[in-house]
PDB file of N, CA and C in Angstrom:
ATOM      1  N   GLN A   1     153.781  38.039  -6.365  1.00  0.00           N
ATOM      2  CA  GLN A   1     154.518  38.038  -7.553  1.00  0.00           C
ATOM      3  C   GLN A   1     153.768  39.060  -8.347  1.00  0.00           C
ATOM      4  N   VAL A   2     154.998  39.696  -8.503  1.00  0.00           N
ATOM      5  CA  VAL A   2     153.974  41.337  -9.138  1.00  0.00           C
ATOM      6  C   VAL A   2     153.785  40.678 -10.973  1.00  0.00           C
ATOM      7  N   GLN A   3     152.196  41.527 -11.221  1.00  0.00           N
ATOM      8  CA  GLN A   3     152.135  41.301 -12.393  1.00  0.00           C
ATOM      9  C   GLN A   3     152.081  42.813 -12.994  1.00  0.00           C
ATOM     10  N   LEU A   4     152.340  43.153 -14.848  1.00  0.00           N
ATOM     11  CA  LEU A   4     152.516  44.022 -15.263  1.00  0.00           C
ATOM     12  C   LEU A   4     151.183  43.986 -16.463  1.00  0.00           C
ATOM     13  N   VAL A   5     150.565  44.605 -16.532  1.00  0.00           N
ATOM     14  CA  VAL A   5     149.738  44.718 -17.960  1.00  0.00           C
ATOM     15  C   VAL A   5     149.332  45.848 -18.623  1.00  0.00           C
ATOM     16  N   GLU A   6     149.884  45.820 -20.098  1.00  0.00           N
ATOM     17  CA  GLU A   6     149.856  46.588 -20.853  1.00  0.00           C
ATOM     18  C   GLU A   6     148.829  46.827 -21.572  1.00  0.00           C
ATOM     19  N   SER A   7     148.381  48.390 -22.284  1.00  0.00           N
ATOM     20  CA  SER A   7     147.489  48.072 -23.067  1.00  0.00           C
ATOM     21  C   SER A   7     147.829  49.494 -23.885  1.00  0.00           C
ATOM     22  N   GLY A   8     146.827  49.923 -25.051  1.00  0.00           N
ATOM     23  CA  GLY A   8     146.229  51.271 -25.412  1.00  0.00           C
ATOM     24  C   GLY A   8     147.335  50.598 -27.005  1.00  0.00           C
ATOM     25  N   GLY A   9     147.673  50.179 -27.048  1.00  0.00           N
ATOM     26  CA  GLY A   9     148.468  49.974 -28.850  1.00  0.00           C
ATOM     27  C   GLY A   9     147.511  50.055 -30.219  1.00  0.00           C
ATOM     28  N   GLY A  10     147.881  49.761 -31.170  1.00  0.00           N
ATOM     29  CA  GLY A  10     147.662  49.729 -32.593  1.00  0.00           C
ATOM     30  C   GLY A  10     148.079  50.358 -33.739  1.00  0.00           C
ATOM     31  N   LEU A  11     147.326  49.780 -34.489  1.00  0.00           N
ATOM     32  CA  LEU A  11     147.966  50.301 -35.731  1.00  0.00           C
ATOM     33  C   LEU A  11     147.739  52.089 -36.570  1.00  0.00           C
ATOM     34  N   VAL A  12     148.503  52.838 -36.763  1.00  0.00           N
ATOM     35  CA  VAL A  12     148.203  54.412 -36.217  1.00  0.00           C
ATOM     36  C   VAL A  12     149.522  54.943 -37.861  1.00  0.00           C
ATOM     37  N   GLN A  13     148.842  55.691 -38.262  1.00  0.00           N
ATOM     38  CA  GLN A  13     149.981  56.243 -39.845  1.00  0.00           C
ATOM     39  C   GLN A  13     150.599  57.356 -39.126  1.00  0.00           C
ATOM     40  N   PRO A  14     151.456  57.143 -39.683  1.00  0.00           N
ATOM     41  CA  PRO A  14     152.962  57.925 -39.521  1.00  0.00           C
ATOM     42  C   PRO A  14     152.445  59.425 -39.534  1.00  0.00           C
ATOM     43  N   GLY A  15     153.081  60.371 -38.265  1.00  0.00           N
ATOM     44  CA  GLY A  15     152.420  61.295 -37.697  1.00  0.00           C
ATOM     45  C   GLY A  15     151.375  61.303 -36.244  1.00  0.00           C
ATOM     46  N   GLY A  16     150.961  60.042 -36.136  1.00  0.00           N
ATOM     47  CA  GLY A  16     149.522  59.604 -35.594  1.00  0.00           C
ATOM     48  C   GLY A  16     150.281  59.656 -33.516  1.00  0.00           C
ATOM     49  N   SER A  17     149.778  59.587 -33.014  1.00  0.00           N
ATOM     50  CA  SER A  17     149.446  59.431 -31.546  1.00  0.00           C
ATOM     51  C   SER A  17     148.763  57.837 -31.417  1.00  0.00           C
ATOM     52  N   LEU A  18     149.678  57.360 -30.179  1.00  0.00           N
ATOM     53  CA  LEU A  18     148.658  56.540 -29.344  1.00  0.00           C
ATOM     54  C   LEU A  18     148.961  57.092 -27.726  1.00  0.00           C
ATOM     55  N   ARG A  19     148.131  56.750 -26.494  1.00  0.00           N
ATOM     56  CA  ARG A  19     148.902  56.669 -26.012  1.00  0.00           C
ATOM     57  C   ARG A  19     148.795  55.023 -25.227  1.00  0.00           C
ATOM     58  N   LEU A  20     150.211  55.023 -24.326  1.00  0.00           N
ATOM     59  CA  LEU A  20     149.893  53.238 -23.583  1.00  0.00           C
ATOM     60  C   LEU A  20     149.388  53.388 -21.566  1.00  0.00           C
ATOM     61  N   SER A  21     148.775  52.079 -21.845  1.00  0.00           N
ATOM     62  CA  SER A  21     148.780  52.647 -20.834  1.00  0.00           C
ATOM     63  C   SER A  21     149.525  51.683 -19.902  1.00  0.00           C
ATOM     64  N   CYS A  22     149.978  50.982 -18.324  1.00  0.00           N
ATOM     65  CA  CYS A  22     150.397  49.582 -17.831  1.00  0.00           C
ATOM     66  C   CYS A  22     149.537  50.108 -16.149  1.00  0.00           C
ATOM     67  N   VAL A  23     149.137  48.551 -15.628  1.00  0.00           N
ATOM     68  CA  VAL A  23     149.124  48.875 -14.477  1.00  0.00           C
ATOM     69  C   VAL A  23     149.706  47.606 -13.687  1.00  0.00           C
ATOM     70  N   ALA A  24     150.174  48.033 -12.643  1.00  0.00           N
ATOM     71  CA  ALA A  24     151.348  47.015 -11.617  1.00  0.00           C
ATOM     72  C   ALA A  24     150.419  46.966 -10.472  1.00  0.00           C
ATOM     73  N   SER A  25     150.856  45.700 -10.092  1.00  0.00           N
ATOM     74  CA  SER A  25     150.314  44.846  -8.905  1.00  0.00           C
ATOM     75  C   SER A  25     151.292  45.459  -8.428  1.00  0.00           C
ATOM     76  N   LEU A  26     151.822  46.568  -7.846  1.00  0.00           N
ATOM     77  CA  LEU A  26     153.032  46.500  -6.586  1.00  0.00           C
ATOM     78  C   LEU A  26     151.936  47.555  -5.651  1.00  0.00           C
ATOM     79  N   SER A  27     152.322  47.002  -4.422  1.00  0.00           N
ATOM     80  CA  SER A  27     151.741  47.664  -3.475  1.00  0.00           C
ATOM     81  C   SER A  27     152.661  48.508  -3.280  1.00  0.00           C
ATOM     82  N   ASP A  28     154.411  48.934  -3.357  1.00  0.00           N
ATOM     83  CA  ASP A  28     154.927  50.311  -3.149  1.00  0.00           C
ATOM     84  C   ASP A  28     155.323  50.237  -4.710  1.00  0.00           C
ATOM     85  N   PHE A  29     154.461  50.903  -5.412  1.00  0.00           N
ATOM     86  CA  PHE A  29     154.240  51.209  -6.539  1.00  0.00           C
ATOM     87  C   PHE A  29     154.535  52.306  -6.532  1.00  0.00           C
ATOM     88  N   ALA A  30     154.459  53.769  -5.495  1.00  0.00           N
ATOM     89  CA  ALA A  30     154.791  54.973  -5.658  1.00  0.00           C
ATOM     90  C   ALA A  30     156.342  55.486  -5.007  1.00  0.00           C
ATOM     91  N   LEU A  31     156.863  53.930  -4.829  1.00  0.00           N
ATOM     92  CA  LEU A  31     158.680  53.897  -4.332  1.00  0.00           C
ATOM     93  C   LEU A  31     159.243  53.908  -5.094  1.00  0.00           C
ATOM     94  N   ASN A  32     158.710  52.937  -6.498  1.00  0.00           N
ATOM     95  CA  ASN A  32     159.413  53.002  -7.631  1.00  0.00           C
ATOM     96  C   ASN A  32     159.636  53.507  -8.746  1.00  0.00           C
ATOM     97  N   ALA A  33     160.623  53.454  -9.547  1.00  0.00           N
ATOM     98  CA  ALA A  33     161.197  54.000 -11.071  1.00  0.00           C
ATOM     99  C   ALA A  33     160.160  52.887 -11.701  1.00  0.00           C
ATOM    100  N   MET A  34     159.782  53.865 -12.965  1.00  0.00           N
ATOM    101  CA  MET A  34     159.413  52.414 -14.288  1.00  0.00           C
ATOM    102  C   MET A  34     159.646  52.953 -15.094  1.00  0.00           C
ATOM    103  N   GLY A  35     159.385  52.337 -16.272  1.00  0.00           N
ATOM    104  CA  GLY A  35     160.055  52.592 -17.386  1.00  0.00           C
ATOM    105  C   GLY A  35     159.795  51.741 -18.613  1.00  0.00           C
ATOM    106  N   TRP A  36     159.142  51.849 -19.878  1.00  0.00           N
ATOM    107  CA  TRP A  36     159.214  51.584 -20.427  1.00  0.00           C
ATOM    108  C   TRP A  36     160.172  51.480 -21.779  1.00  0.00           C
ATOM    109  N   TYR A  37     159.659  50.041 -22.325  1.00  0.00           N
ATOM    110  CA  TYR A  37     160.553  49.197 -22.989  1.00  0.00           C
ATOM    111  C   TYR A  37     159.713  49.105 -24.282  1.00  0.00           C
ATOM    112  N   ARG A  38     160.895  48.989 -25.299  1.00  0.00           N
ATOM    113  CA  ARG A  38     160.082  48.497 -26.625  1.00  0.00           C
ATOM    114  C   ARG A  38     160.851  47.264 -27.309  1.00  0.00           C
ATOM    115  N   GLN A  39     160.230  46.831 -27.840  1.00  0.00           N
ATOM    116  CA  GLN A  39     161.084  45.122 -28.785  1.00  0.00           C
ATOM    117  C   GLN A  39     160.738  45.015 -29.982  1.00  0.00           C
ATOM    118  N   ALA A  40     161.542  45.616 -31.242  1.00  0.00           N
ATOM    119  CA  ALA A  40     161.151  45.171 -32.960  1.00  0.00           C
ATOM    120  C   ALA A  40     161.720  44.372 -33.075  1.00  0.00           C
ATOM    121  N   PRO A  41     161.001  43.951 -34.004  1.00  0.00           N
ATOM    122  CA  PRO A  41     161.507  42.543 -34.545  1.00  0.00           C
ATOM    123  C   PRO A  41     162.885  42.405 -34.564  1.00  0.00           C
ATOM    124  N   GLY A  42     163.415  41.621 -34.906  1.00  0.00           N
ATOM    125  CA  GLY A  42     164.509  41.170 -34.940  1.00  0.00           C
ATOM    126  C   GLY A  42     165.526  41.930 -34.145  1.00  0.00           C
ATOM    127  N   LYS A  43     164.963  42.327 -32.820  1.00  0.00           N
ATOM    128  CA  LYS A  43     166.149  43.823 -32.188  1.00  0.00           C
ATOM    129  C   LYS A  43     165.527  43.358 -30.904  1.00  0.00           C
ATOM    130  N   ALA A  44     166.738  43.528 -30.086  1.00  0.00           N
ATOM    131  CA  ALA A  44     167.205  43.233 -28.341  1.00  0.00           C
ATOM    132  C   ALA A  44     166.081  44.399 -27.806  1.00  0.00           C
ATOM    133  N   ARG A  45     165.348  44.158 -26.893  1.00  0.00           N
ATOM    134  CA  ARG A  45     164.278  45.453 -25.979  1.00  0.00           C
ATOM    135  C   ARG A  45     164.986  46.537 -25.398  1.00  0.00           C
ATOM    136  N   GLU A  46     164.285  47.267 -25.698  1.00  0.00           N
ATOM    137  CA  GLU A  46     165.512  49.059 -25.474  1.00  0.00           C
ATOM    138  C   GLU A  46     164.243  49.465 -24.152  1.00  0.00           C
ATOM    139  N   LEU A  47     164.834  49.832 -23.080  1.00  0.00           N
ATOM    140  CA  LEU A  47     164.277  51.195 -22.556  1.00  0.00           C
ATOM    141  C   LEU A  47     164.007  52.377 -23.339  1.00  0.00           C
ATOM    142  N   VAL A  48     162.962  52.676 -23.143  1.00  0.00           N
ATOM    143  CA  VAL A  48     162.691  54.313 -24.054  1.00  0.00           C
ATOM    144  C   VAL A  48     162.007  55.489 -23.089  1.00  0.00           C
ATOM    145  N   ALA A  49     161.598  54.900 -21.738  1.00  0.00           N
ATOM    146  CA  ALA A  49     161.675  55.830 -21.151  1.00  0.00           C
ATOM    147  C   ALA A  49     161.397  56.060 -19.730  1.00  0.00           C
ATOM    148  N   THR A  50     161.616  56.877 -19.164  1.00  0.00           N
ATOM    149  CA  THR A  50     161.558  56.560 -17.198  1.00  0.00           C
ATOM    150  C   THR A  50     161.459  57.527 -16.517  1.00  0.00           C
ATOM    151  N   VAL A  51     160.310  56.970 -15.835  1.00  0.00           N
ATOM    152  CA  VAL A  51     160.042  58.029 -14.746  1.00  0.00           C
ATOM    153  C   VAL A  51     160.209  57.930 -13.037  1.00  0.00           C
ATOM    154  N   THR A  52     160.865  58.657 -12.505  1.00  0.00           N
ATOM    155  CA  THR A  52     160.526  57.794 -11.150  1.00  0.00           C
ATOM    156  C   THR A  52     160.290  58.293  -9.870  1.00  0.00           C
ATOM    157  N   SER A  53     160.501  57.858  -8.924  1.00  0.00           N
ATOM    158  CA  SER A  53     159.007  58.155  -7.706  1.00  0.00           C
ATOM    159  C   SER A  53     159.365  59.463  -7.552  1.00  0.00           C
ATOM    160  N   GLY A  54     159.935  60.625  -7.792  1.00  0.00           N
ATOM    161  CA  GLY A  54     160.133  62.120  -7.886  1.00  0.00           C
ATOM    162  C   GLY A  54     159.594  62.396  -9.244  1.00  0.00           C
ATOM    163  N   ASP A  55     159.222  61.945 -10.101  1.00  0.00           N
ATOM    164  CA  ASP A  55     158.407  62.432 -11.325  1.00  0.00           C
ATOM    165  C   ASP A  55     159.765  62.529 -12.582  1.00  0.00           C
ATOM    166  N   LYS A  56     161.178  62.227 -11.864  1.00  0.00           N
ATOM    167  CA  LYS A  56     161.961  62.808 -13.131  1.00  0.00           C
ATOM    168  C   LYS A  56     161.791  61.863 -13.927  1.00  0.00           C
ATOM    169  N   THR A  57     161.865  62.704 -15.162  1.00  0.00           N
ATOM    170  CA  THR A  57     161.292  61.682 -16.465  1.00  0.00           C
ATOM    171  C   THR A  57     162.986  61.476 -17.403  1.00  0.00           C
ATOM    172  N   ASN A  58     162.911  60.522 -18.203  1.00  0.00           N
ATOM    173  CA  ASN A  58     164.131  60.628 -19.287  1.00  0.00           C
ATOM    174  C   ASN A  58     163.588  60.018 -20.132  1.00  0.00           C
ATOM    175  N   TYR A  59     164.321  60.038 -21.127  1.00  0.00           N
ATOM    176  CA  TYR A  59     164.141  58.987 -22.511  1.00  0.00           C
ATOM    177  C   TYR A  59     164.948  58.892 -23.091  1.00  0.00           C
ATOM    178  N   VAL A  60     164.957  57.927 -24.595  1.00  0.00           N
ATOM    179  CA  VAL A  60     166.212  57.967 -25.260  1.00  0.00           C
ATOM    180  C   VAL A  60     166.086  58.584 -26.008  1.00  0.00           C
ATOM    181  N   ASP A  61     166.891  58.953 -27.039  1.00  0.00           N
ATOM    182  CA  ASP A  61     167.308  60.292 -28.060  1.00  0.00           C
ATOM    183  C   ASP A  61     166.325  59.609 -28.790  1.00  0.00           C
ATOM    184  N   SER A  62     166.307  58.771 -29.819  1.00  0.00           N
ATOM    185  CA  SER A  62     165.388  58.411 -31.129  1.00  0.00           C
ATOM    186  C   SER A  62     164.257  58.916 -30.203  1.00  0.00           C
ATOM    187  N   VAL A  63     163.075  59.201 -29.499  1.00  0.00           N
ATOM    188  CA  VAL A  63     161.685  58.846 -28.327  1.00  0.00           C
ATOM    189  C   VAL A  63     162.118  60.656 -28.740  1.00  0.00           C
ATOM    190  N   LYS A  64     163.141  61.771 -27.411  1.00  0.00           N
ATOM    191  CA  LYS A  64     162.747  62.790 -27.342  1.00  0.00           C
ATOM    192  C   LYS A  64     161.864  63.547 -28.230  1.00  0.00           C
ATOM    193  N   GLY A  65     160.951  64.572 -27.551  1.00  0.00           N
ATOM    194  CA  GLY A  65     160.442  65.530 -27.384  1.00  0.00           C
ATOM    195  C   GLY A  65     158.842  65.128 -28.274  1.00  0.00           C
ATOM    196  N   ARG A  66     158.765  63.739 -28.398  1.00  0.00           N
ATOM    197  CA  ARG A  66     157.601  62.865 -29.061  1.00  0.00           C
ATOM    198  C   ARG A  66     157.256  62.395 -28.095  1.00  0.00           C
ATOM    199  N   PHE A  67     157.662  61.824 -26.782  1.00  0.00           N
ATOM    200  CA  PHE A  67     156.958  60.733 -25.995  1.00  0.00           C
ATOM    201  C   PHE A  67     156.830  61.022 -24.798  1.00  0.00           C
ATOM    202  N   THR A  68     156.103  60.833 -24.052  1.00  0.00           N
ATOM    203  CA  THR A  68     155.887  61.654 -22.916  1.00  0.00           C
ATOM    204  C   THR A  68     155.413  60.294 -21.601  1.00  0.00           C
ATOM    205  N   ILE A  69     156.446  60.060 -20.685  1.00  0.00           N
ATOM    206  CA  ILE A  69     155.980  59.257 -19.899  1.00  0.00           C
ATOM    207  C   ILE A  69     154.988  59.695 -18.572  1.00  0.00           C
ATOM    208  N   SER A  70     154.535  58.998 -17.961  1.00  0.00           N
ATOM    209  CA  SER A  70     153.856  59.838 -16.353  1.00  0.00           C
ATOM    210  C   SER A  70     153.398  59.175 -15.895  1.00  0.00           C
ATOM    211  N   ARG A  71     152.934  59.136 -14.443  1.00  0.00           N
ATOM    212  CA  ARG A  71     152.631  57.706 -13.683  1.00  0.00           C
ATOM    213  C   ARG A  71     151.263  59.198 -13.458  1.00  0.00           C
ATOM    214  N   ASP A  72     151.027  57.315 -12.423  1.00  0.00           N
ATOM    215  CA  ASP A  72     149.213  58.400 -11.457  1.00  0.00           C
ATOM    216  C   ASP A  72     149.410  56.891 -10.173  1.00  0.00           C
ATOM    217  N   ASN A  73     150.463  57.670  -9.275  1.00  0.00           N
ATOM    218  CA  ASN A  73     150.524  56.740  -8.501  1.00  0.00           C
ATOM    219  C   ASN A  73     149.419  55.607  -7.342  1.00  0.00           C
ATOM    220  N   PRO A  74     147.877  56.395  -7.259  1.00  0.00           N
ATOM    221  CA  PRO A  74     146.738  55.903  -6.610  1.00  0.00           C
ATOM    222  C   PRO A  74     146.295  55.058  -7.309  1.00  0.00           C
ATOM    223  N   LYS A  75     146.207  54.763  -8.849  1.00  0.00           N
ATOM    224  CA  LYS A  75     145.935  53.861  -9.679  1.00  0.00           C
ATOM    225  C   LYS A  75     147.162  52.692  -9.708  1.00  0.00           C
ATOM    226  N   LYS A  76     148.229  52.968  -9.682  1.00  0.00           N
ATOM    227  CA  LYS A  76     149.398  52.226 -10.059  1.00  0.00           C
ATOM    228  C   LYS A  76     149.691  51.907 -11.446  1.00  0.00           C
ATOM    229  N   MET A  77     149.917  53.141 -12.287  1.00  0.00           N
ATOM    230  CA  MET A  77     149.170  53.176 -13.527  1.00  0.00           C
ATOM    231  C   MET A  77     150.671  54.207 -14.175  1.00  0.00           C
ATOM    232  N   VAL A  78     151.520  53.629 -14.673  1.00  0.00           N
ATOM    233  CA  VAL A  78     152.002  54.280 -15.526  1.00  0.00           C
ATOM    234  C   VAL A  78     151.496  54.443 -16.972  1.00  0.00           C
ATOM    235  N   TYR A  79     151.757  55.689 -18.305  1.00  0.00           N
ATOM    236  CA  TYR A  79     151.608  55.947 -19.380  1.00  0.00           C
ATOM    237  C   TYR A  79     152.233  56.023 -20.148  1.00  0.00           C
ATOM    238  N   LEU A  80     152.436  56.361 -21.155  1.00  0.00           N
ATOM    239  CA  LEU A  80     153.713  56.696 -22.214  1.00  0.00           C
ATOM    240  C   LEU A  80     152.176  57.136 -23.511  1.00  0.00           C
ATOM    241  N   GLN A  81     152.585  59.175 -23.618  1.00  0.00           N
ATOM    242  CA  GLN A  81     151.559  59.271 -24.530  1.00  0.00           C
ATOM    243  C   GLN A  81     153.239  59.762 -25.914  1.00  0.00           C
ATOM    244  N   MET A  82     152.615  58.980 -26.996  1.00  0.00           N
ATOM    245  CA  MET A  82     153.679  59.106 -28.435  1.00  0.00           C
ATOM    246  C   MET A  82     152.968  59.474 -29.345  1.00  0.00           C
ATOM    247  N   ASN A  83     153.672  60.849 -29.684  1.00  0.00           N
ATOM    248  CA  ASN A  83     153.107  61.509 -31.032  1.00  0.00           C
ATOM    249  C   ASN A  83     153.777  61.166 -32.138  1.00  0.00           C
ATOM    250  N   SER A  84     153.816  62.100 -32.681  1.00  0.00           N
ATOM    251  CA  SER A  84     154.487  62.120 -34.091  1.00  0.00           C
ATOM    252  C   SER A  84     155.255  60.455 -33.930  1.00  0.00           C
ATOM    253  N   LEU A  85     154.572  59.874 -34.104  1.00  0.00           N
ATOM    254  CA  LEU A  85     155.061  58.044 -34.701  1.00  0.00           C
ATOM    255  C   LEU A  85     155.355  58.246 -36.337  1.00  0.00           C
ATOM    256  N   LYS A  86     156.560  57.398 -35.346  1.00  0.00           N
ATOM    257  CA  LYS A  86     157.309  56.962 -36.940  1.00  0.00           C
ATOM    258  C   LYS A  86     157.460  55.954 -37.101  1.00  0.00           C
ATOM    259  N   PRO A  87     158.101  54.981 -38.654  1.00  0.00           N
ATOM    260  CA  PRO A  87     157.006  53.486 -39.156  1.00  0.00           C
ATOM    261  C   PRO A  87     158.260  53.591 -37.645  1.00  0.00           C
ATOM    262  N   GLU A  88     160.341  53.107 -37.580  1.00  0.00           N
ATOM    263  CA  GLU A  88     160.738  52.678 -36.379  1.00  0.00           C
ATOM    264  C   GLU A  88     160.354  52.688 -34.890  1.00  0.00           C
ATOM    265  N   ASP A  89     159.287  53.380 -34.959  1.00  0.00           N
ATOM    266  CA  ASP A  89     158.135  52.984 -33.784  1.00  0.00           C
ATOM    267  C   ASP A  89     157.902  52.085 -33.810  1.00  0.00           C
ATOM    268  N   THR A  90     157.531  51.035 -34.824  1.00  0.00           N
ATOM    269  CA  THR A  90     156.624  49.805 -34.654  1.00  0.00           C
ATOM    270  C   THR A  90     157.577  48.981 -33.653  1.00  0.00           C
ATOM    271  N   ALA A  91     156.657  48.213 -32.673  1.00  0.00           N
ATOM    272  CA  ALA A  91     157.326  47.608 -31.482  1.00  0.00           C
ATOM    273  C   ALA A  91     156.556  46.926 -30.952  1.00  0.00           C
ATOM    274  N   VAL A  92     156.983  46.037 -29.884  1.00  0.00           N
ATOM    275  CA  VAL A  92     155.988  45.514 -29.111  1.00  0.00           C
ATOM    276  C   VAL A  92     156.329  46.444 -27.561  1.00  0.00           C
ATOM    277  N   TYR A  93     155.775  46.985 -27.094  1.00  0.00           N
ATOM    278  CA  TYR A  93     155.905  48.142 -25.961  1.00  0.00           C
ATOM    279  C   TYR A  93     155.522  47.221 -24.710  1.00  0.00           C
ATOM    280  N   TYR A  94     156.392  47.735 -23.513  1.00  0.00           N
ATOM    281  CA  TYR A  94     156.514  46.299 -22.280  1.00  0.00           C
ATOM    282  C   TYR A  94     156.960  48.146 -21.463  1.00  0.00           C
ATOM    283  N   CYS A  95     156.161  47.425 -20.277  1.00  0.00           N
ATOM    284  CA  CYS A  95     156.958  48.633 -18.970  1.00  0.00           C
ATOM    285  C   CYS A  95     157.445  47.460 -18.041  1.00  0.00           C
ATOM    286  N   ASN A  96     157.899  47.666 -16.805  1.00  0.00           N
ATOM    287  CA  ASN A  96     158.703  47.112 -15.888  1.00  0.00           C
ATOM    288  C   ASN A  96     159.611  48.385 -15.261  1.00  0.00           C
ATOM    289  N   LEU A  97     160.054  47.882 -14.033  1.00  0.00           N
ATOM    290  CA  LEU A  97     160.706  48.749 -13.300  1.00  0.00           C
ATOM    291  C   LEU A  97     162.379  48.593 -13.402  1.00  0.00           C
ATOM    292  N   PRO A  98     162.686  49.561 -13.640  1.00  0.00           N
ATOM    293  CA  PRO A  98     164.186  49.814 -14.512  1.00  0.00           C
ATOM    294  C   PRO A  98     165.115  49.392 -13.539  1.00  0.00           C
ATOM    295  N   LEU A  99     164.915  49.523 -12.336  1.00  0.00           N
ATOM    296  CA  LEU A  99     165.448  49.365 -10.863  1.00  0.00           C
ATOM    297  C   LEU A  99     165.836  47.839 -10.065  1.00  0.00           C
ATOM    298  N   ARG A 100     164.685  46.832 -10.773  1.00  0.00           N
ATOM    299  CA  ARG A 100     164.531  45.783 -10.227  1.00  0.00           C
ATOM    300  C   ARG A 100     163.748  45.057 -11.075  1.00  0.00           C
ATOM    301  N   LEU A 101     164.089  44.187 -12.324  1.00  0.00           N
ATOM    302  CA  LEU A 101     163.512  43.784 -12.943  1.00  0.00           C
ATOM    303  C   LEU A 101     162.017  42.615 -12.313  1.00  0.00           C
ATOM    304  N   HIS A 102     161.006  42.696 -12.750  1.00  0.00           N
ATOM    305  CA  HIS A 102     160.105  41.886 -12.492  1.00  0.00           C
ATOM    306  C   HIS A 102     159.843  41.142 -13.850  1.00  0.00           C
ATOM    307  N   SER A 103     158.792  39.768 -13.682  1.00  0.00           N
ATOM    308  CA  SER A 103     158.091  38.824 -15.438  1.00  0.00           C
ATOM    309  C   SER A 103     157.824  40.180 -15.749  1.00  0.00           C
ATOM    310  N   TRP A 104     158.413  40.142 -17.424  1.00  0.00           N
ATOM    311  CA  TRP A 104     157.307  40.839 -18.448  1.00  0.00           C
ATOM    312  C   TRP A 104     156.277  40.845 -18.703  1.00  0.00           C
ATOM    313  N   GLY A 105     154.964  41.509 -19.014  1.00  0.00           N
ATOM    314  CA  GLY A 105     153.762  41.390 -19.406  1.00  0.00           C
ATOM    315  C   GLY A 105     153.574  40.832 -20.560  1.00  0.00           C
ATOM    316  N   PRO A 106     152.403  40.767 -20.895  1.00  0.00           N
ATOM    317  CA  PRO A 106     151.619  40.185 -22.524  1.00  0.00           C
ATOM    318  C   PRO A 106     152.688  41.619 -23.342  1.00  0.00           C
ATOM    319  N   GLY A 107     152.787  42.455 -23.043  1.00  0.00           N
ATOM    320  CA  GLY A 107     153.428  43.757 -24.500  1.00  0.00           C
ATOM    321  C   GLY A 107     152.248  44.793 -24.944  1.00  0.00           C
ATOM    322  N   THR A 108     152.170  45.155 -25.621  1.00  0.00           N
ATOM    323  CA  THR A 108     151.427  45.857 -26.520  1.00  0.00           C
ATOM    324  C   THR A 108     151.910  45.910 -27.777  1.00  0.00           C
ATOM    325  N   GLN A 109     151.166  45.706 -28.758  1.00  0.00           N
ATOM    326  CA  GLN A 109     151.495  46.462 -30.404  1.00  0.00           C
ATOM    327  C   GLN A 109     151.036  47.608 -30.428  1.00  0.00           C
ATOM    328  N   VAL A 110     152.483  47.805 -30.835  1.00  0.00           N
ATOM    329  CA  VAL A 110     151.688  49.371 -31.696  1.00  0.00           C
ATOM    330  C   VAL A 110     152.961  48.852 -32.785  1.00  0.00           C
ATOM    331  N   THR A 111     151.770  49.223 -34.357  1.00  0.00           N
ATOM    332  CA  THR A 111     151.897  49.294 -35.574  1.00  0.00           C
ATOM    333  C   THR A 111     151.972  50.843 -35.814  1.00  0.00           C
ATOM    334  N   ILE A 112     153.165  51.303 -36.704  1.00  0.00           N
ATOM    335  CA  ILE A 112     153.012  52.507 -37.514  1.00  0.00           C
ATOM    336  C   ILE A 112     153.264  51.761 -38.845  1.00  0.00           C
ATOM    337  N   SER A 113     151.890  52.322 -39.970  1.00  0.00           N
ATOM    338  CA  SER A 113     152.341  52.249 -41.061  1.00  0.00           C
ATOM    339  C   SER A 113     151.029  52.802 -41.805  1.00  0.00           C
ATOM    340  N   SER A 114     151.554  52.979 -43.246  1.00  0.00           N
ATOM    341  CA  SER A 114     150.506  54.215 -43.702  1.00  0.00           C
ATOM    342  C   SER A 114     149.560  53.268 -44.790  1.00  0.00           C
TER     343      SER A 114
END
């Protein structure tokens, strides 16, 4: 049973920054692409950023230039640095494996509000 645990969310003002972290209990973590998802109230969960096993990254258009995904294989962690945050970034953020989804973790709430 793979466990995914996210942390680092909070309440910040527009224009602020947050760094999200996710630890994954995967024995073969380094071999897997990882992704950050988010789900805003009343909306479907969306994939916002991915990083491959080879450190190639991809982003949804709405976060390009503002968010940066990275990974630390020895620590089995994936990060999401979020800058220039906007109210529309408010959501619960989750990590998972985009190529083979596992059970969702608890997520971490990100709220952007003045």
